[in-house]
Protein backbone atom coordinates (compact mmCIF):
# COMPACT_ATOMS: atom_id res chain seq x y z
CA UNK A 1 -6.63 -32.67 -9.94
CA UNK A 2 -5.72 -28.95 -8.50
CA UNK A 3 -6.69 -25.84 -10.18
CA UNK A 4 -3.41 -23.87 -10.68
CA UNK A 5 -5.85 -20.34 -10.47
CA UNK A 6 -6.49 -21.67 -6.89
CA UNK A 7 -2.99 -21.21 -5.92
CA UNK A 8 -2.61 -17.93 -7.13
CA UNK A 9 -2.58 -15.42 -4.39
CA UNK A 10 -4.38 -12.63 -5.49
CA UNK A 11 -5.21 -9.05 -3.21
CA UNK A 12 -7.95 -7.32 -4.27
CA UNK A 13 -8.18 -3.91 -3.07
CA UNK A 14 -11.49 -1.67 -3.05
CA UNK A 15 -12.72 1.85 -2.94
CA UNK A 16 -16.10 1.85 -1.91
CA UNK A 17 -16.50 5.39 -1.54
CA UNK A 18 -14.17 6.40 -4.62
CA UNK A 19 -11.27 8.97 -3.53
CA UNK A 20 -14.03 11.07 -1.40
CA UNK A 21 -12.68 11.96 2.01
CA UNK A 22 -13.46 14.42 5.07
CA UNK A 23 -9.58 15.12 4.80
CA UNK A 24 -7.34 17.00 2.48
CA UNK A 25 -4.11 15.75 2.83
CA UNK A 26 -1.39 17.68 1.34
CA UNK A 27 0.41 14.64 -0.42
CA UNK A 28 -2.58 12.54 -0.99
CA UNK A 29 -1.79 11.06 -4.22
CA UNK A 30 -5.40 9.65 -4.52
CA UNK A 31 -8.01 12.41 -4.07
CA UNK A 32 -9.74 13.22 -7.29
CA UNK A 33 -8.56 10.11 -9.14
CA UNK A 34 -12.58 8.71 -8.60
CA UNK A 35 -13.79 7.11 -11.28
CA UNK A 36 -17.24 9.17 -10.95
CA UNK A 37 -18.03 12.06 -9.09
CA UNK A 38 -20.30 11.72 -5.69
CA UNK A 39 -22.00 8.87 -4.17
CA UNK A 40 -20.58 5.05 -2.88
CA UNK A 41 -20.47 1.51 -4.66
CA UNK A 42 -23.93 0.27 -5.45
CA UNK A 43 -25.33 -2.80 -4.15
CA UNK A 44 -25.01 -4.58 -7.58
CA UNK A 45 -21.29 -3.58 -7.93
CA UNK A 46 -20.33 -4.72 -4.24
CA UNK A 47 -22.21 -7.92 -4.63
CA UNK A 48 -20.32 -8.77 -7.91
CA UNK A 49 -16.98 -7.95 -6.36
CA UNK A 50 -17.57 -10.04 -3.14
CA UNK A 51 -18.90 -13.23 -5.05
CA UNK A 52 -15.88 -12.38 -7.65
CA UNK A 53 -13.42 -12.41 -5.04
CA UNK A 54 -14.77 -15.40 -3.33
CA UNK A 55 -14.54 -17.28 -6.38
CA UNK A 56 -10.83 -16.41 -7.50
CA UNK A 57 -9.47 -17.87 -4.28
CA UNK A 58 -11.02 -21.14 -4.93
CA UNK A 59 -11.06 -23.57 -2.03
CA UNK A 60 -8.94 -21.31 0.07
CA UNK A 61 -9.64 -21.28 3.91
CA UNK A 62 -9.23 -17.58 4.11
CA UNK A 63 -10.24 -14.67 2.01
CA UNK A 64 -9.40 -11.19 2.67
CA UNK A 65 -11.44 -8.00 2.00
CA UNK A 66 -9.47 -4.92 1.68
CA UNK A 67 -11.57 -2.02 2.29
CA UNK A 68 -9.33 1.38 1.30
CA UNK A 69 -10.65 4.94 0.01
CA UNK A 70 -10.55 8.16 0.08
CA UNK A 71 -12.20 7.29 3.73
CA UNK A 72 -14.36 4.09 3.84
CA UNK A 73 -16.03 4.92 6.78
CA UNK A 74 -18.11 7.37 4.78
CA UNK A 75 -19.96 4.90 3.25
CA UNK A 76 -21.34 4.36 6.75
CA UNK A 77 -22.26 1.43 8.81
CA UNK A 78 -25.25 0.07 6.90
CA UNK A 79 -23.31 -0.17 3.41
CA UNK A 80 -20.70 -2.72 5.55
CA UNK A 81 -23.54 -4.48 7.44
CA UNK A 82 -25.13 -5.36 3.64
CA UNK A 83 -21.23 -6.36 3.16
CA UNK A 84 -20.99 -8.73 5.61
CA UNK A 85 -24.55 -10.33 4.77
CA UNK A 86 -22.85 -10.55 1.12
CA UNK A 87 -19.83 -12.53 2.51
CA UNK A 88 -21.82 -15.00 4.55
CA UNK A 89 -24.03 -15.73 1.48
CA UNK A 90 -20.89 -16.71 -0.70
CA UNK A 91 -18.21 -17.52 1.88
CA UNK A 92 -19.54 -21.06 2.27
CA UNK A 93 -18.05 -21.77 5.46
CA UNK A 94 -14.63 -20.21 4.40
CA UNK A 95 -12.93 -17.64 7.09
CA UNK A 96 -13.34 -14.19 5.97
CA UNK A 97 -10.66 -11.51 7.09
CA UNK A 98 -11.85 -8.05 6.46
CA UNK A 99 -9.07 -4.95 6.95
CA UNK A 100 -10.12 -1.26 6.41
CA UNK A 101 -7.39 1.61 6.21
CA UNK A 102 -8.98 4.96 7.69
CA UNK A 103 -8.05 8.05 8.93
CA UNK A 104 -9.60 7.21 12.16
CA UNK A 105 -11.35 10.78 12.44
CA UNK A 106 -14.78 9.44 11.65
CA UNK A 107 -14.59 6.53 14.08
CA UNK A 108 -17.64 6.42 16.96
CA UNK A 109 -18.54 3.80 19.42
CA UNK A 110 -20.70 2.57 16.76
CA UNK A 111 -18.22 2.04 14.55
CA UNK A 112 -16.15 0.05 16.99
CA UNK A 113 -18.48 -1.72 18.05
CA UNK A 114 -19.37 -3.05 14.70
CA UNK A 115 -15.78 -3.62 13.67
CA UNK A 116 -15.62 -5.97 16.59
CA UNK A 117 -18.06 -8.07 16.28
CA UNK A 118 -17.10 -8.65 12.82
CA UNK A 119 -13.34 -8.93 13.85
CA UNK A 120 -12.31 -6.30 11.36
CA UNK A 121 -8.46 -5.66 11.67
CA UNK A 122 -8.01 -1.63 10.80
CA UNK A 123 -5.18 0.25 9.88
CA UNK A 124 -4.72 3.98 11.17
CA UNK A 125 -3.15 6.65 9.50
CA UNK A 126 -0.88 8.56 11.61
CA UNK A 127 2.21 10.42 11.05
CA UNK A 128 3.99 10.91 14.57
CA UNK A 129 3.08 13.53 17.44
CA UNK A 130 1.08 16.28 17.02
CA UNK A 131 3.29 18.48 15.63
CA UNK A 132 4.38 16.42 12.66
CA UNK A 133 1.43 14.52 12.34
CA UNK A 134 -0.60 18.03 11.63
CA UNK A 135 2.12 19.30 9.22
CA UNK A 136 0.40 17.80 6.29
CA UNK A 137 -2.61 15.55 7.38
CA UNK A 138 -4.83 18.55 7.44
CA UNK A 139 -8.95 18.47 7.30
CA UNK A 140 -11.26 20.52 4.77
CA UNK A 141 -10.84 24.02 6.83
CA UNK A 142 -7.00 23.33 6.69
CA UNK A 143 -6.72 22.54 10.27
CA UNK A 144 -4.72 19.68 12.15
CA UNK A 145 -6.22 16.23 12.70
CA UNK A 146 -4.14 14.51 15.45
CA UNK A 147 -6.59 15.20 18.20
CA UNK A 148 -9.38 13.44 16.28
CA UNK A 149 -7.48 10.59 14.98
CA UNK A 150 -6.10 9.85 18.87
CA UNK A 151 -9.75 9.71 19.78
CA UNK A 152 -10.31 7.39 17.46
CA UNK A 153 -7.30 5.36 18.46
CA UNK A 154 -8.68 5.62 22.22
CA UNK A 155 -12.17 4.07 20.86
CA UNK A 156 -10.42 1.22 18.92
CA UNK A 157 -8.69 0.34 22.31
CA UNK A 158 -11.54 0.92 24.27
CA UNK A 159 -13.56 -2.01 22.04
CA UNK A 160 -10.26 -4.10 21.87
CA UNK A 161 -10.27 -3.71 17.94
CA UNK A 162 -6.99 -4.78 16.22
CA UNK A 163 -5.26 -2.44 14.52
CA UNK A 164 -2.15 -1.13 13.16
CA UNK A 165 -0.33 2.09 12.27
CA UNK A 166 0.58 3.60 9.07
CA UNK A 167 3.08 6.35 8.96
CA UNK A 168 4.01 8.62 5.86
CA UNK A 169 7.64 9.33 5.93
CA UNK A 170 7.91 12.86 4.31
CA UNK A 171 9.83 16.11 4.39
CA UNK A 172 8.75 17.17 7.63
CA UNK A 173 9.10 14.11 10.12
CA UNK A 174 12.32 12.24 7.92
CA UNK A 175 14.57 13.58 10.84
CA UNK A 176 12.54 12.71 13.64
CA UNK A 177 13.01 9.05 13.40
CA UNK A 178 13.16 8.49 17.54
CA UNK A 179 10.58 10.72 18.18
CA UNK A 180 8.24 9.14 16.14
CA UNK A 181 8.61 5.53 16.64
CA UNK A 182 8.83 6.29 20.50
CA UNK A 183 5.36 7.95 20.02
CA UNK A 184 4.15 5.03 18.02
CA UNK A 185 5.22 2.35 20.06
CA UNK A 186 3.17 3.15 22.95
CA UNK A 187 0.21 2.23 21.16
CA UNK A 188 1.09 0.15 18.52
CA UNK A 189 2.31 -3.20 17.88
CA UNK A 190 2.68 -3.35 14.28
CA UNK A 191 3.88 -0.27 11.86
CA UNK A 192 4.23 0.41 8.56
CA UNK A 193 6.35 3.35 7.65
CA UNK A 194 5.56 4.44 3.37
CA UNK A 195 7.60 7.02 1.87
CA UNK A 196 6.36 9.66 -0.14
CA UNK A 197 7.56 10.83 -3.07
CA UNK A 198 4.88 12.29 -5.64
CA UNK A 199 5.93 14.41 -8.52
CA UNK A 200 5.35 18.36 -8.70
CA UNK A 201 2.76 18.24 -10.99
CA UNK A 202 1.10 14.47 -10.61
CA UNK A 203 -0.91 13.52 -13.51
CA UNK A 204 -1.90 10.20 -15.80
CA UNK A 205 1.12 9.45 -17.59
CA UNK A 206 1.02 9.38 -21.75
CA UNK A 207 2.76 6.29 -23.15
CA UNK A 208 3.08 3.63 -25.58
CA UNK A 209 1.19 0.32 -24.74
CA UNK A 210 2.54 -3.30 -24.83
CA UNK A 211 0.09 -5.83 -25.96
CA UNK A 212 -0.13 -8.85 -24.14
CA UNK A 213 0.31 -12.34 -26.26
CA UNK A 214 -3.11 -13.25 -27.37
CA UNK A 215 -4.77 -11.41 -24.57
CA UNK A 216 -7.54 -8.68 -25.56
CA UNK A 217 -6.33 -6.42 -22.63
CA UNK A 218 -4.08 -3.80 -22.87
CA UNK A 219 -0.93 -3.86 -21.03
CA UNK A 220 0.61 -0.41 -20.24
CA UNK A 221 3.72 0.26 -18.76
CA UNK A 222 4.99 1.88 -15.43
CA UNK A 223 4.80 5.49 -16.03
CA UNK A 224 8.11 6.33 -14.29
CA UNK A 225 9.86 4.50 -17.54
CA UNK A 226 8.67 7.24 -19.84
CA UNK A 227 8.32 10.30 -17.23
CA UNK A 228 12.15 10.40 -16.32
CA UNK A 229 12.78 13.14 -13.45
CA UNK A 230 16.62 14.49 -13.54
CA UNK A 231 17.22 15.91 -10.30
CA UNK A 232 15.08 16.41 -6.93
CA UNK A 233 13.36 19.75 -8.00
CA UNK A 234 10.90 17.43 -9.89
CA UNK A 235 9.26 16.11 -6.48
CA UNK A 236 7.16 17.83 -4.73
CA UNK A 237 8.31 19.57 -1.55
CA UNK A 238 6.98 17.16 0.93
CA UNK A 239 8.45 14.06 -0.84
CA UNK A 240 10.90 12.59 1.19
CA UNK A 241 14.71 12.81 0.47
CA UNK A 242 15.91 9.73 -0.88
CA UNK A 243 19.04 9.18 1.71
CA UNK A 244 16.86 10.53 4.46
CA UNK A 245 14.50 7.52 4.16
CA UNK A 246 17.27 5.42 4.51
CA UNK A 247 18.90 7.05 7.12
CA UNK A 248 15.00 6.89 9.03
CA UNK A 249 14.82 3.24 8.85
CA UNK A 250 18.45 2.67 10.05
CA UNK A 251 17.55 4.67 13.19
CA UNK A 252 14.13 2.94 13.72
CA UNK A 253 15.70 -0.15 13.57
CA UNK A 254 17.99 1.12 16.37
CA UNK A 255 15.20 1.99 18.43
CA UNK A 256 13.55 -1.35 17.81
CA UNK A 257 16.19 -3.51 18.34
CA UNK A 258 17.10 -1.96 21.76
CA UNK A 259 13.65 -2.05 22.86
CA UNK A 260 10.95 -3.99 20.85
CA UNK A 261 12.58 -7.36 19.36
CA UNK A 262 9.73 -10.11 19.32
CA UNK A 263 7.14 -7.57 20.61
CA UNK A 264 6.60 -4.84 17.83
CA UNK A 265 7.06 -5.27 14.49
CA UNK A 266 7.81 -3.44 11.35
CA UNK A 267 6.53 -4.11 8.31
CA UNK A 268 9.82 -3.05 6.14
CA UNK A 269 12.10 -5.22 8.77
CA UNK A 270 9.71 -8.58 8.55
CA UNK A 271 9.83 -8.20 4.60
CA UNK A 272 13.59 -7.87 4.47
CA UNK A 273 14.13 -10.69 6.59
CA UNK A 274 11.82 -12.76 4.72
CA UNK A 275 14.05 -11.80 1.36
CA UNK A 276 17.12 -12.13 3.38
CA UNK A 277 15.44 -15.94 4.34
CA UNK A 278 14.39 -16.65 1.00
CA UNK A 279 10.52 -16.65 2.12
CA UNK A 280 7.90 -14.14 0.76
CA UNK A 281 8.67 -10.70 1.45
CA UNK A 282 4.72 -10.15 1.63
CA UNK A 283 5.65 -6.21 0.50
CA UNK A 284 5.28 -5.74 -3.15
CA UNK A 285 7.32 -2.96 -3.36
CA UNK A 286 10.37 -5.39 -2.48
CA UNK A 287 9.60 -8.54 -4.23
CA UNK A 288 11.08 -9.47 -7.50
CA UNK A 289 7.23 -9.62 -9.53
CA UNK A 290 4.39 -7.96 -8.46
CA UNK A 291 1.11 -8.05 -10.52
CA UNK A 292 -1.06 -9.67 -7.58
CA UNK A 293 -2.89 -6.59 -6.16
CA UNK A 294 -5.62 -4.91 -8.31
CA UNK A 295 -7.71 -2.08 -7.48
CA UNK A 296 -11.58 -2.05 -8.08
CA UNK A 297 -13.19 1.37 -7.96
CA UNK A 298 -16.53 2.08 -6.74
CA UNK A 299 -18.00 2.06 -10.00
CA UNK A 300 -16.39 -1.78 -10.80
CA UNK A 301 -13.70 -0.59 -12.51
CA UNK A 302 -10.53 -2.73 -12.06
CA UNK A 303 -7.07 -1.18 -12.16
CA UNK A 304 -3.43 -2.91 -12.03
CA UNK A 305 -2.50 -1.19 -8.69
CA UNK A 306 -3.36 1.57 -6.10
CA UNK A 307 -0.85 3.92 -7.75
CA UNK A 308 -1.76 3.17 -11.11
CA UNK A 309 -5.40 4.25 -10.96
CA UNK A 310 -5.14 6.22 -14.29
CA UNK A 311 -7.22 5.35 -17.64
CA UNK A 312 -4.22 3.76 -19.29
CA UNK A 313 -4.19 0.77 -16.48
CA UNK A 314 -7.77 0.24 -16.36
CA UNK A 315 -8.28 -3.58 -17.03
CA UNK A 316 -12.10 -3.76 -17.29
CA UNK A 317 -15.13 -3.88 -15.09
CA UNK A 318 -16.47 -6.60 -12.95
CA UNK A 319 -20.23 -6.24 -13.92
CA UNK A 320 -19.37 -7.16 -17.70
CA UNK A 321 -16.13 -9.31 -17.28
CA UNK A 322 -14.50 -12.09 -15.14
CA UNK A 323 -12.19 -10.42 -12.30
CA UNK A 324 -10.15 -13.89 -12.35
CA UNK A 325 -9.45 -13.70 -16.19
CA UNK A 326 -8.72 -9.70 -15.85
CA UNK A 327 -6.13 -10.22 -12.80
CA UNK A 328 -4.70 -13.17 -15.21
CA UNK A 329 -3.49 -10.22 -17.29
CA UNK A 330 -1.95 -8.84 -14.58
CA UNK A 331 0.85 -11.03 -14.58
CA UNK A 332 2.43 -9.28 -17.43
CA UNK A 333 2.21 -6.15 -15.83
CA UNK A 334 3.60 -7.46 -12.63
CA UNK A 335 6.92 -9.26 -14.46
CA UNK A 336 7.62 -6.41 -16.37
CA UNK A 337 8.74 -4.99 -12.92
CA UNK A 338 12.14 -7.61 -12.75
CA UNK A 339 12.00 -7.23 -16.61
CA UNK A 340 13.02 -3.74 -16.65
CA UNK A 341 15.20 -3.54 -13.88
CA UNK A 342 18.17 -1.25 -14.42
CA UNK A 343 21.35 -2.69 -15.45
CA UNK A 344 23.21 -1.38 -12.06
CA UNK A 345 21.04 -3.27 -9.90
CA UNK A 346 22.25 -6.52 -11.22
CA UNK A 347 25.60 -5.69 -10.20
CA UNK A 348 24.07 -4.64 -6.46
CA UNK A 349 24.71 -6.09 -3.16
CA UNK A 350 21.39 -5.51 -1.99
CA UNK A 351 19.27 -6.07 -5.34
CA UNK A 352 17.50 -9.49 -3.90
CA UNK A 353 16.73 -7.37 -0.87
CA UNK A 354 15.10 -4.45 -2.92
CA UNK A 355 14.27 -5.72 -6.46
CA UNK A 356 14.34 -2.15 -7.81
CA UNK A 357 11.70 -0.75 -5.36
CA UNK A 358 8.34 0.44 -6.99
CA UNK A 359 8.32 1.27 -10.62
CA UNK A 360 6.21 4.04 -9.78
CA UNK A 361 9.39 5.56 -8.24
CA UNK A 362 11.69 4.84 -11.12
CA UNK A 363 11.84 8.49 -11.58
CA UNK A 364 15.82 9.20 -12.46
CA UNK A 365 17.46 9.17 -15.68
CA UNK A 366 21.15 7.99 -15.97
CA UNK A 367 22.78 7.65 -19.09
CA UNK A 368 25.19 4.67 -19.01
CA UNK A 369 26.98 2.61 -21.80
CA UNK A 370 23.88 0.57 -22.26
CA UNK A 371 21.74 3.61 -22.61
CA UNK A 372 19.59 5.59 -20.24
CA UNK A 373 18.89 3.96 -17.18
CA UNK A 374 15.55 4.69 -15.41
CA UNK A 375 16.71 4.15 -11.26
CA UNK A 376 14.67 4.52 -8.34
CA UNK A 377 14.33 7.63 -6.66
CA UNK A 378 14.69 6.10 -3.42
CA UNK A 379 17.79 4.03 -4.48
CA UNK A 380 20.50 5.82 -2.23
CA UNK A 381 18.24 5.11 0.95
CA UNK A 382 17.32 1.72 -0.18
CA UNK A 383 21.21 0.60 -0.61
CA UNK A 384 22.02 2.50 2.56
CA UNK A 385 19.21 0.54 4.87
CA UNK A 386 19.31 -2.71 3.32
CA UNK A 387 23.15 -2.83 3.92
CA UNK A 388 22.87 -1.60 7.55
CA UNK A 389 19.83 -4.14 8.45
CA UNK A 390 22.48 -7.08 7.06
CA UNK A 391 25.09 -5.97 9.49
CA UNK A 392 22.68 -5.57 12.42
CA UNK A 393 20.36 -8.32 11.83
CA UNK A 394 23.25 -10.77 12.62
CA UNK A 395 23.83 -9.00 15.97
CA UNK A 396 20.09 -8.55 16.93
CA UNK A 397 19.75 -12.74 16.11
CA UNK A 398 22.92 -13.58 18.15
CA UNK A 399 21.91 -11.37 21.12
CA UNK A 400 18.32 -13.38 21.38
CA UNK A 401 20.24 -16.71 21.16
């Protein structure tokens, strides 16, 4: 008999150095969130993490370990060599995939040789050409980091390490979509475009909690539902304008369709096409239900999501509780995304592509006949892009056939 838990997909992101980072990006939402000051993940926590991640994936042939930060390379190569030893110990022949998100500024020949030897897939954070990247992505001295990042990219290429790019779409680069795309396409085959939406004064939300039926873990509701934002003055000045984000994606789609169909891949396009063809989107923001992604901090604390590393969303600690049992409680957290969908979304022609976006961005209060709705700040941009994508993808497919 197959255990149903073996069929559930989990994506456990780990922060082995917590929020520690050598950069001071203006829009960083994670810096300062670490559960304790200084140091990195202990060997005890590292072994428990690897053992339990393998266990919750049952008999699956491939298991992914996702290393994030802060800046995870601050842990040093010896830390990751130990992680590889533990993976071999517990994997028992199953294929292990390691991914690591980095700002790229600390990469060396030794790092890249290590990544190549262990078949890491690397994510590089870069916001476009130098004059755009350096506006917000600065080091501790307040200086731009573009040249250091590009040196890291060159080292990855030199050693043949597979990598993709993650680009934040913010107030500065949102008006330069063609320039950003044409810069990235010179060296990136897979691109992610992440909208920056941050409050003027981000803080841990205070709210009521919802008890899971028969569970001992506390389920807290998404903060956007209890932290209304009435106008754009409530978001930080580096945040992307809502409609601007939609126009940015539309322009990227035009560039991609003219030059790179079948050769370059854009995560948002892949996810949208997945939803259109009733396949898994692979992007939690635009899936009906989330809750399969957890975050483990360096001390072993498990949180419900990378964007919800607040005390209200701490589930427990892997040194004292089962990771599998704790992640089961995230079902209710994930299902609340759909349950709390604004009534307006039910009548939207692109609801099956958007699914209300990430609950953390439901910052806009709207008074309706049915009461106050909490709508996604990016809604105007989402509508613009998804409608345009539906029109254009038909032309793209017809031209290919």
